[in-house]
């Protein structure tokens, strides 16, 4: 599907994490049932080197265990309950499950995630019938996005800004970014003037994480191009 031409993208945040345990296959399935255009999830590297889908650097919040993801092997992580009996999936398990039915937004969270994630993306494009348009890679860490861009000029990049508008515009130019992802509370960025500025540059603007009708309608009126939600059916 050509998700880039959708009027407003319906993006499942960590799947449909308002209904099911976040970043699990169960949550992804719920998002697909609810008709999302894209699913967003987060990645880290575990001790044995695999790319795993989990938001936090520690397992404390989302499982019954404790400790850093980077200090646990995949076998150790697979023994944990990520909610309702779900397991922490690998990036490849997630991609196989989604099976390019919708686009995926991979947020690079953990250290040293860039090259392993890129290797997997390249494999799925070259050997698994995925396309570049099936992937969007984002991060709060500019250095990770610079590394992605050096690895491949075709990958769509999403900026997660922490700084000024001037910095954002500069990074858009440097990285040839596809989109800017802002908190729905960022009224300094989510306003008509800045949205129009981005649109004139051919850049999309997405808002996260929006879980109430009032703000959803406000953002639609402002002209955002996509909305992340824990409850994607609200969109």
Foldseek 3Di string as FASTA:
>chain_A
DQLVPDQAFLEAEQQLVVVFQGVFLVSVVVNVVLPGQEYEWEWAAACQGFIWTDADQWCVPQWVDTDGRNDDDQVRQQVTQRGPNTGTGTPVVVCVSCLLPHAYEYEYDYPPPQPVVVVVVVCCVVPVVDHLSSYEYEYQDLVSLLVNCVVDVSHAYEYAYDDDPVVVVVSCVVRVHQEYEYELPPPVCLALVNCVVCVVVNHAYEYDDDEDLVSVVVSVVSRHRYYYYSRSSSD
